[in-house]
Amino acid sequence: SFVHNAENEDVYFSIVLAGLQAPLPMAFEAALFSAEMLFSAEVTSFYGELSMEDKERYVQQRWGEDGVSLYKHMQGNDYTVPIGMHKPWWYHSDEVLQTTDMLHHCKFLKYMYRPEDSKYGDILNEGKKVVWAGVG
């Protein structure tokens, strides 16, 4: 069956992944791969903290051997930069997205986002509440 009028790409991908019988990752693993609203630290605050041993195991599985040292380096920041991001400018301010570390670790962000394209301020100015994964 085809997906028509897939305004919400999440619905499209959930259908495709279900059709492929793809295993679902842990929330922390998913946040290491890509972020839209939540970086990995926010994920663990919502869905439960993991031991550092578990975090390092997931990081090594998803980012490889060198990933653990990179992950530990990023722990000095307010966020861990994932492999990819999807429209983070809707949910994160320029103060987060335009930092030197963010632009260093996410080298393509500067090509897909300009600060003047941010929706973050619009969402706040319209009085809309940003809600994460059912937590409001």
N, C-alpha and C. Protein backbone atom coordinates (compact mmCIF):
# COMPACT_ATOMS: atom_id res chain seq x y z
N SER A 1 0.84 -1.18 0.00
CA SER A 1 0.00 0.00 0.00
C SER A 1 0.88 1.24 0.00
N PHE A 2 0.44 2.28 -0.65
CA PHE A 2 1.19 3.53 -0.74
C PHE A 2 0.78 4.47 0.38
N VAL A 3 1.70 5.34 0.75
CA VAL A 3 1.40 6.37 1.73
C VAL A 3 1.07 7.63 0.96
N HIS A 4 -0.15 8.10 1.05
CA HIS A 4 -0.57 9.31 0.35
C HIS A 4 -0.61 10.47 1.33
N ASN A 5 -0.22 11.63 0.84
CA ASN A 5 -0.29 12.85 1.64
C ASN A 5 0.44 12.68 2.98
N ALA A 6 1.69 12.22 2.89
CA ALA A 6 2.48 11.96 4.10
C ALA A 6 3.08 13.25 4.62
N GLU A 7 2.22 14.12 5.17
CA GLU A 7 2.71 15.37 5.72
C GLU A 7 3.60 15.12 6.92
N ASN A 8 3.32 14.09 7.63
CA ASN A 8 4.13 13.74 8.78
C ASN A 8 5.03 12.58 8.37
N GLU A 9 6.29 12.90 8.12
CA GLU A 9 7.22 11.87 7.66
C GLU A 9 7.43 10.77 8.69
N ASP A 10 7.13 11.06 9.96
CA ASP A 10 7.25 10.03 10.98
C ASP A 10 6.29 8.87 10.70
N VAL A 11 5.10 9.18 10.23
CA VAL A 11 4.14 8.14 9.87
C VAL A 11 4.68 7.30 8.72
N TYR A 12 5.23 7.98 7.72
CA TYR A 12 5.81 7.28 6.57
C TYR A 12 6.89 6.31 7.03
N PHE A 13 7.84 6.81 7.82
CA PHE A 13 8.95 5.96 8.23
C PHE A 13 8.49 4.84 9.17
N SER A 14 7.49 5.09 9.99
CA SER A 14 7.01 4.02 10.86
C SER A 14 6.39 2.90 10.03
N ILE A 15 5.71 3.25 8.94
CA ILE A 15 5.14 2.23 8.05
C ILE A 15 6.25 1.45 7.35
N VAL A 16 7.25 2.17 6.84
CA VAL A 16 8.36 1.52 6.15
C VAL A 16 9.12 0.61 7.09
N LEU A 17 9.46 1.10 8.28
CA LEU A 17 10.23 0.28 9.23
C LEU A 17 9.44 -0.93 9.70
N ALA A 18 8.15 -0.76 9.91
CA ALA A 18 7.31 -1.90 10.29
C ALA A 18 7.27 -2.92 9.16
N GLY A 19 7.16 -2.43 7.93
CA GLY A 19 7.14 -3.32 6.76
C GLY A 19 8.44 -4.10 6.61
N LEU A 20 9.54 -3.48 6.98
CA LEU A 20 10.84 -4.14 6.91
C LEU A 20 11.10 -5.02 8.13
N GLN A 21 10.18 -4.99 9.08
CA GLN A 21 10.32 -5.70 10.36
C GLN A 21 11.63 -5.31 11.05
N ALA A 22 11.94 -4.02 10.97
CA ALA A 22 13.15 -3.49 11.57
C ALA A 22 13.01 -3.45 13.09
N PRO A 23 14.05 -3.85 13.79
CA PRO A 23 13.98 -3.75 15.26
C PRO A 23 14.06 -2.29 15.68
N LEU A 24 13.32 -1.94 16.72
CA LEU A 24 13.35 -0.57 17.22
C LEU A 24 14.50 -0.41 18.21
N PRO A 25 15.23 0.68 18.09
CA PRO A 25 16.34 0.91 19.02
C PRO A 25 15.82 1.42 20.37
N MET A 26 16.68 1.35 21.36
CA MET A 26 16.40 2.01 22.63
C MET A 26 16.36 3.51 22.35
N ALA A 27 15.65 4.26 23.17
CA ALA A 27 15.55 5.71 22.95
C ALA A 27 16.93 6.37 22.95
N PHE A 28 17.81 5.93 23.83
CA PHE A 28 19.16 6.49 23.88
C PHE A 28 19.90 6.22 22.58
N GLU A 29 19.80 5.00 22.05
CA GLU A 29 20.43 4.66 20.77
C GLU A 29 19.89 5.55 19.65
N ALA A 30 18.60 5.73 19.63
CA ALA A 30 17.98 6.56 18.59
C ALA A 30 18.51 7.99 18.67
N ALA A 31 18.70 8.51 19.89
CA ALA A 31 19.20 9.87 20.06
C ALA A 31 20.66 10.00 19.65
N LEU A 32 21.42 8.92 19.73
CA LEU A 32 22.80 8.94 19.22
C LEU A 32 22.82 9.02 17.71
N PHE A 33 21.81 8.41 17.09
CA PHE A 33 21.74 8.40 15.63
C PHE A 33 21.24 9.73 15.09
N SER A 34 20.14 10.23 15.63
CA SER A 34 19.56 11.45 15.09
C SER A 34 18.74 12.16 16.15
N ALA A 35 18.65 13.46 16.01
CA ALA A 35 17.85 14.26 16.95
C ALA A 35 16.99 15.24 16.18
N GLU A 36 15.81 15.45 16.69
CA GLU A 36 14.93 16.51 16.21
C GLU A 36 14.61 17.38 17.42
N MET A 37 13.94 16.78 18.39
CA MET A 37 13.55 17.52 19.59
C MET A 37 14.47 17.23 20.76
N LEU A 38 14.93 16.00 20.89
CA LEU A 38 15.64 15.58 22.10
C LEU A 38 17.06 15.13 21.80
N PHE A 39 18.00 15.68 22.54
CA PHE A 39 19.35 15.15 22.53
C PHE A 39 19.40 14.02 23.56
N SER A 40 20.47 13.24 23.54
CA SER A 40 20.51 12.01 24.37
C SER A 40 20.33 12.27 25.86
N ALA A 41 20.85 13.36 26.39
CA ALA A 41 20.68 13.64 27.82
C ALA A 41 19.21 13.88 28.16
N GLU A 42 18.49 14.54 27.25
CA GLU A 42 17.06 14.76 27.49
C GLU A 42 16.29 13.45 27.40
N VAL A 43 16.71 12.58 26.49
CA VAL A 43 16.06 11.27 26.35
C VAL A 43 16.17 10.49 27.66
N THR A 44 17.36 10.46 28.22
CA THR A 44 17.51 9.69 29.47
C THR A 44 16.77 10.34 30.63
N SER A 45 16.63 11.67 30.61
CA SER A 45 15.87 12.29 31.69
C SER A 45 14.38 11.96 31.59
N PHE A 46 13.88 11.72 30.39
CA PHE A 46 12.47 11.36 30.21
C PHE A 46 12.21 9.87 30.36
N TYR A 47 13.11 9.05 29.82
CA TYR A 47 12.85 7.62 29.73
C TYR A 47 13.67 6.77 30.69
N GLY A 48 14.46 7.40 31.52
CA GLY A 48 15.23 6.65 32.51
C GLY A 48 16.71 6.72 32.24
N GLU A 49 17.43 6.95 33.30
CA GLU A 49 18.88 7.06 33.22
C GLU A 49 19.50 5.68 32.97
N LEU A 50 20.58 5.68 32.24
CA LEU A 50 21.35 4.46 31.99
C LEU A 50 22.68 4.57 32.72
N SER A 51 23.26 3.45 33.05
CA SER A 51 24.59 3.48 33.65
C SER A 51 25.58 3.95 32.58
N MET A 52 26.71 4.48 33.01
CA MET A 52 27.73 4.90 32.06
C MET A 52 28.21 3.71 31.24
N GLU A 53 28.25 2.55 31.86
CA GLU A 53 28.67 1.33 31.16
C GLU A 53 27.70 1.03 30.00
N ASP A 54 26.40 1.13 30.26
CA ASP A 54 25.41 0.89 29.21
C ASP A 54 25.51 1.95 28.11
N LYS A 55 25.67 3.21 28.51
CA LYS A 55 25.80 4.28 27.52
C LYS A 55 27.01 4.02 26.62
N GLU A 56 28.13 3.68 27.24
CA GLU A 56 29.34 3.45 26.46
C GLU A 56 29.18 2.25 25.53
N ARG A 57 28.47 1.24 25.99
CA ARG A 57 28.22 0.06 25.13
C ARG A 57 27.39 0.45 23.91
N TYR A 58 26.33 1.24 24.13
CA TYR A 58 25.51 1.69 23.00
C TYR A 58 26.31 2.60 22.07
N VAL A 59 27.10 3.48 22.65
CA VAL A 59 27.92 4.39 21.83
C VAL A 59 28.89 3.58 20.98
N GLN A 60 29.55 2.61 21.57
CA GLN A 60 30.51 1.80 20.83
C GLN A 60 29.82 1.02 19.71
N GLN A 61 28.63 0.49 19.98
CA GLN A 61 27.89 -0.25 18.97
C GLN A 61 27.48 0.65 17.79
N ARG A 62 27.11 1.90 18.09
CA ARG A 62 26.56 2.79 17.06
C ARG A 62 27.60 3.71 16.43
N TRP A 63 28.63 4.09 17.20
CA TRP A 63 29.64 5.03 16.70
C TRP A 63 31.00 4.39 16.48
N GLY A 64 31.18 3.12 16.85
CA GLY A 64 32.46 2.46 16.67
C GLY A 64 33.40 2.67 17.84
N GLU A 65 34.60 2.08 17.74
CA GLU A 65 35.59 2.13 18.81
C GLU A 65 35.94 3.55 19.23
N ASP A 66 36.17 4.43 18.26
CA ASP A 66 36.56 5.81 18.57
C ASP A 66 35.39 6.62 19.13
N GLY A 67 34.18 6.10 18.99
CA GLY A 67 33.00 6.83 19.43
C GLY A 67 32.95 7.08 20.92
N VAL A 68 33.46 6.15 21.71
CA VAL A 68 33.39 6.31 23.17
C VAL A 68 34.21 7.52 23.62
N SER A 69 35.40 7.69 23.07
CA SER A 69 36.20 8.86 23.47
C SER A 69 35.54 10.15 22.99
N LEU A 70 34.93 10.13 21.81
CA LEU A 70 34.21 11.31 21.32
C LEU A 70 33.01 11.61 22.22
N TYR A 71 32.28 10.58 22.60
CA TYR A 71 31.13 10.75 23.49
C TYR A 71 31.57 11.35 24.83
N LYS A 72 32.66 10.82 25.40
CA LYS A 72 33.16 11.35 26.67
C LYS A 72 33.57 12.81 26.53
N HIS A 73 34.18 13.15 25.41
CA HIS A 73 34.57 14.55 25.15
C HIS A 73 33.34 15.45 25.12
N MET A 74 32.27 14.99 24.51
CA MET A 74 31.05 15.80 24.39
C MET A 74 30.32 15.96 25.71
N GLN A 75 30.64 15.16 26.71
CA GLN A 75 29.94 15.25 27.99
C GLN A 75 30.22 16.57 28.71
N GLY A 76 31.24 17.30 28.26
CA GLY A 76 31.49 18.62 28.81
C GLY A 76 30.55 19.67 28.27
N ASN A 77 29.81 19.33 27.20
CA ASN A 77 28.82 20.24 26.60
C ASN A 77 27.46 20.03 27.25
N ASP A 78 26.50 20.84 26.85
CA ASP A 78 25.14 20.65 27.33
C ASP A 78 24.40 19.58 26.52
N TYR A 79 25.01 19.04 25.51
CA TYR A 79 24.35 18.10 24.61
C TYR A 79 25.40 17.20 23.96
N THR A 80 24.94 16.06 23.48
CA THR A 80 25.77 15.17 22.68
C THR A 80 25.28 15.29 21.24
N VAL A 81 26.16 15.65 20.35
CA VAL A 81 25.78 15.85 18.96
C VAL A 81 25.61 14.48 18.31
N PRO A 82 24.42 14.17 17.79
CA PRO A 82 24.20 12.86 17.16
C PRO A 82 24.82 12.80 15.76
N ILE A 83 24.71 11.64 15.14
CA ILE A 83 25.21 11.47 13.78
C ILE A 83 24.45 12.38 12.82
N GLY A 84 23.15 12.51 13.00
CA GLY A 84 22.34 13.35 12.13
C GLY A 84 21.30 14.11 12.91
N MET A 85 20.67 15.06 12.24
CA MET A 85 19.61 15.84 12.88
C MET A 85 18.52 16.09 11.85
N HIS A 86 17.31 16.26 12.34
CA HIS A 86 16.16 16.51 11.49
C HIS A 86 15.41 17.72 12.02
N LYS A 87 15.46 18.81 11.29
CA LYS A 87 14.79 20.06 11.66
C LYS A 87 15.03 20.49 13.11
N PRO A 88 16.26 20.46 13.59
CA PRO A 88 16.47 20.85 14.99
C PRO A 88 16.16 22.33 15.24
N TRP A 89 16.15 23.13 14.19
CA TRP A 89 15.88 24.57 14.35
C TRP A 89 14.42 24.84 14.71
N TRP A 90 13.58 23.85 14.72
CA TRP A 90 12.21 24.03 15.20
C TRP A 90 12.17 23.97 16.73
N TYR A 91 13.12 23.26 17.33
CA TYR A 91 13.04 22.97 18.76
C TYR A 91 14.23 23.46 19.58
N HIS A 92 15.26 23.97 18.91
CA HIS A 92 16.46 24.41 19.61
C HIS A 92 16.87 25.79 19.13
N SER A 93 17.33 26.59 20.06
CA SER A 93 17.71 27.97 19.76
C SER A 93 19.03 28.03 19.01
N ASP A 94 19.29 29.20 18.43
CA ASP A 94 20.57 29.42 17.76
C ASP A 94 21.73 29.32 18.75
N GLU A 95 21.46 29.64 20.02
CA GLU A 95 22.51 29.53 21.03
C GLU A 95 23.01 28.09 21.16
N VAL A 96 22.18 27.13 20.83
CA VAL A 96 22.59 25.73 20.83
C VAL A 96 23.15 25.35 19.46
N LEU A 97 22.42 25.69 18.41
CA LEU A 97 22.77 25.21 17.07
C LEU A 97 23.98 25.89 16.44
N GLN A 98 24.31 27.07 16.89
CA GLN A 98 25.41 27.81 16.28
C GLN A 98 26.70 27.80 17.11
N THR A 99 26.78 26.92 18.10
CA THR A 99 28.01 26.84 18.89
C THR A 99 29.13 26.24 18.05
N THR A 100 30.34 26.54 18.42
CA THR A 100 31.50 26.02 17.71
C THR A 100 31.51 24.49 17.73
N ASP A 101 31.22 23.90 18.91
CA ASP A 101 31.20 22.44 19.01
C ASP A 101 30.13 21.82 18.12
N MET A 102 28.94 22.40 18.12
CA MET A 102 27.86 21.86 17.29
C MET A 102 28.25 21.89 15.82
N LEU A 103 28.76 23.01 15.36
CA LEU A 103 29.14 23.14 13.95
C LEU A 103 30.34 22.28 13.61
N HIS A 104 31.20 22.03 14.58
CA HIS A 104 32.35 21.15 14.35
C HIS A 104 31.91 19.69 14.19
N HIS A 105 31.01 19.25 15.07
CA HIS A 105 30.60 17.85 15.06
C HIS A 105 29.50 17.56 14.04
N CYS A 106 28.74 18.56 13.67
CA CYS A 106 27.69 18.40 12.66
C CYS A 106 28.06 19.29 11.48
N LYS A 107 28.99 18.82 10.69
CA LYS A 107 29.61 19.63 9.64
C LYS A 107 28.63 20.10 8.56
N PHE A 108 27.53 19.42 8.37
CA PHE A 108 26.60 19.78 7.31
C PHE A 108 25.47 20.69 7.78
N LEU A 109 25.41 20.97 9.09
CA LEU A 109 24.35 21.82 9.62
C LEU A 109 24.35 23.19 8.94
N LYS A 110 25.52 23.73 8.69
CA LYS A 110 25.60 25.06 8.07
C LYS A 110 25.04 25.08 6.65
N TYR A 111 24.95 23.92 6.01
CA TYR A 111 24.41 23.85 4.66
C TYR A 111 22.90 23.63 4.63
N MET A 112 22.33 23.16 5.72
CA MET A 112 20.90 22.88 5.72
C MET A 112 20.10 23.83 6.60
N TYR A 113 20.79 24.74 7.25
CA TYR A 113 20.10 25.63 8.18
C TYR A 113 20.82 26.96 8.25
N ARG A 114 20.04 28.03 8.19
CA ARG A 114 20.55 29.37 8.43
C ARG A 114 19.80 29.93 9.62
N PRO A 115 20.48 30.67 10.50
CA PRO A 115 19.80 31.18 11.70
C PRO A 115 18.50 31.93 11.39
N GLU A 116 18.44 32.63 10.28
CA GLU A 116 17.21 33.36 9.96
C GLU A 116 16.04 32.44 9.60
N ASP A 117 16.31 31.14 9.42
CA ASP A 117 15.25 30.17 9.12
C ASP A 117 14.66 29.53 10.38
N SER A 118 15.17 29.91 11.54
CA SER A 118 14.75 29.29 12.79
C SER A 118 13.25 29.43 13.01
N LYS A 119 12.63 28.37 13.46
CA LYS A 119 11.22 28.37 13.86
C LYS A 119 11.10 28.43 15.37
N TYR A 120 12.22 28.30 16.07
CA TYR A 120 12.23 28.23 17.53
C TYR A 120 11.55 29.44 18.16
N GLY A 121 11.94 30.63 17.76
CA GLY A 121 11.33 31.84 18.31
C GLY A 121 9.86 31.97 17.95
N ASP A 122 9.50 31.55 16.74
CA ASP A 122 8.10 31.62 16.30
C ASP A 122 7.21 30.76 17.19
N ILE A 123 7.67 29.58 17.51
CA ILE A 123 6.90 28.68 18.35
C ILE A 123 6.70 29.31 19.73
N LEU A 124 7.77 29.88 20.27
CA LEU A 124 7.66 30.49 21.60
C LEU A 124 6.81 31.76 21.55
N ASN A 125 6.97 32.59 20.50
CA ASN A 125 6.22 33.84 20.40
C ASN A 125 4.74 33.63 20.18
N GLU A 126 4.37 32.51 19.56
CA GLU A 126 2.96 32.21 19.34
C GLU A 126 2.32 31.64 20.60
N GLY A 127 3.12 31.49 21.64
CA GLY A 127 2.59 30.96 22.89
C GLY A 127 2.37 29.46 22.85
N LYS A 128 2.92 28.80 21.83
CA LYS A 128 2.78 27.35 21.76
C LYS A 128 3.75 26.71 22.72
N LYS A 129 3.31 25.67 23.31
CA LYS A 129 4.16 24.93 24.23
C LYS A 129 4.82 23.80 23.46
N VAL A 130 6.12 23.71 23.54
CA VAL A 130 6.83 22.60 22.91
C VAL A 130 6.67 21.40 23.82
N VAL A 131 6.15 20.32 23.26
CA VAL A 131 5.88 19.12 24.02
C VAL A 131 6.73 17.99 23.47
N TRP A 132 7.43 17.29 24.35
CA TRP A 132 8.29 16.20 23.93
C TRP A 132 7.67 14.87 24.30
N ALA A 133 7.46 14.04 23.33
CA ALA A 133 7.11 12.63 23.52
C ALA A 133 6.06 12.41 24.61
N GLY A 134 5.02 13.21 24.60
CA GLY A 134 3.95 13.04 25.54
C GLY A 134 4.20 13.67 26.90
N VAL A 135 5.35 14.27 27.08
CA VAL A 135 5.65 14.95 28.35
C VAL A 135 5.43 16.42 28.12
N GLY A 136 4.57 17.06 28.90
CA GLY A 136 4.27 18.44 28.59
C GLY A 136 4.45 19.40 29.68
